[in-house]
Amino acid sequence: MMPGTYSQVLLHVVFSTRKRAAMIKPEFQTRLYEYIGGIVRSEGGSLLAIGGMPDHVHLLLR
């Protein structure tokens, strides 16, 4: 790399439920997202954003 350059790798990860079944209920989302964030942190990553729908979850990781 040249001096003064900056690079960064971001990952967009998508998890889906089995057979895309609508299993992620709104009342459970916050707890699920906190749990996933804890796993990311324990592996040394940074969770920049998380969100989803009843059948899948999107993560933006660094």
Protein backbone atom coordinates (compact mmCIF):
# COMPACT_ATOMS: atom_id res chain seq x y z
CA MET A 1 0.00 0.00 0.00
CA MET A 2 1.03 3.54 -0.58
CA PRO A 3 1.69 5.76 2.42
CA GLY A 4 -1.36 7.69 3.51
CA THR A 5 -3.86 5.25 2.01
CA TYR A 6 -6.69 3.82 4.02
CA SER A 7 -8.49 0.56 3.44
CA GLN A 8 -11.26 -1.17 5.30
CA VAL A 9 -13.07 -4.44 4.81
CA LEU A 10 -16.75 -4.58 5.71
CA LEU A 11 -18.79 -7.77 5.61
CA HIS A 12 -22.49 -8.00 4.84
CA VAL A 13 -23.76 -11.29 6.27
CA VAL A 14 -27.31 -12.58 5.88
CA PHE A 15 -28.78 -15.41 7.94
CA SER A 16 -32.15 -16.88 7.07
CA THR A 17 -34.45 -19.16 8.96
CA ARG A 18 -34.98 -22.71 7.79
CA LYS A 19 -37.13 -22.72 4.65
CA ARG A 20 -37.45 -18.94 5.11
CA ALA A 21 -40.15 -19.49 7.73
CA ALA A 22 -41.30 -16.27 9.46
CA MET A 23 -39.97 -17.27 12.89
CA ILE A 24 -38.31 -14.07 14.14
CA LYS A 25 -41.06 -12.29 16.04
CA PRO A 26 -40.78 -8.54 16.82
CA GLU A 27 -40.82 -9.17 20.57
CA PHE A 28 -37.79 -11.47 20.19
CA GLN A 29 -35.71 -9.35 17.76
CA THR A 30 -33.94 -7.13 20.29
CA ARG A 31 -32.82 -10.06 22.40
CA LEU A 32 -31.68 -11.99 19.31
CA TYR A 33 -29.73 -9.00 17.96
CA GLU A 34 -28.01 -8.48 21.33
CA TYR A 35 -27.07 -12.16 21.42
CA ILE A 36 -25.62 -12.07 17.90
CA GLY A 37 -23.72 -8.86 18.76
CA GLY A 38 -22.18 -10.61 21.76
CA ILE A 39 -20.96 -13.45 19.57
CA VAL A 40 -19.43 -11.00 17.08
CA ARG A 41 -17.63 -9.12 19.89
CA SER A 42 -16.36 -12.34 21.49
CA GLU A 43 -14.79 -13.25 18.14
CA GLY A 44 -13.03 -9.87 17.94
CA GLY A 45 -15.36 -8.26 15.40
CA SER A 46 -17.40 -5.08 15.41
CA LEU A 47 -21.11 -5.15 14.66
CA LEU A 48 -21.83 -1.90 12.82
CA ALA A 49 -25.49 -2.56 12.01
CA ILE A 50 -28.05 -5.31 12.41
CA GLY A 51 -31.62 -5.65 11.24
CA GLY A 52 -33.94 -7.93 9.43
CA MET A 53 -37.33 -9.35 8.77
CA PRO A 54 -39.26 -12.28 10.26
CA ASP A 55 -37.40 -14.70 7.98
CA HIS A 56 -33.84 -13.29 7.86
CA VAL A 57 -31.24 -11.09 9.59
CA HIS A 58 -28.65 -8.76 8.01
CA LEU A 59 -25.34 -7.97 9.75
CA LEU A 60 -22.77 -5.34 8.78
CA LEU A 61 -19.44 -6.33 10.32
CA ARG A 62 -15.94 -4.98 10.54
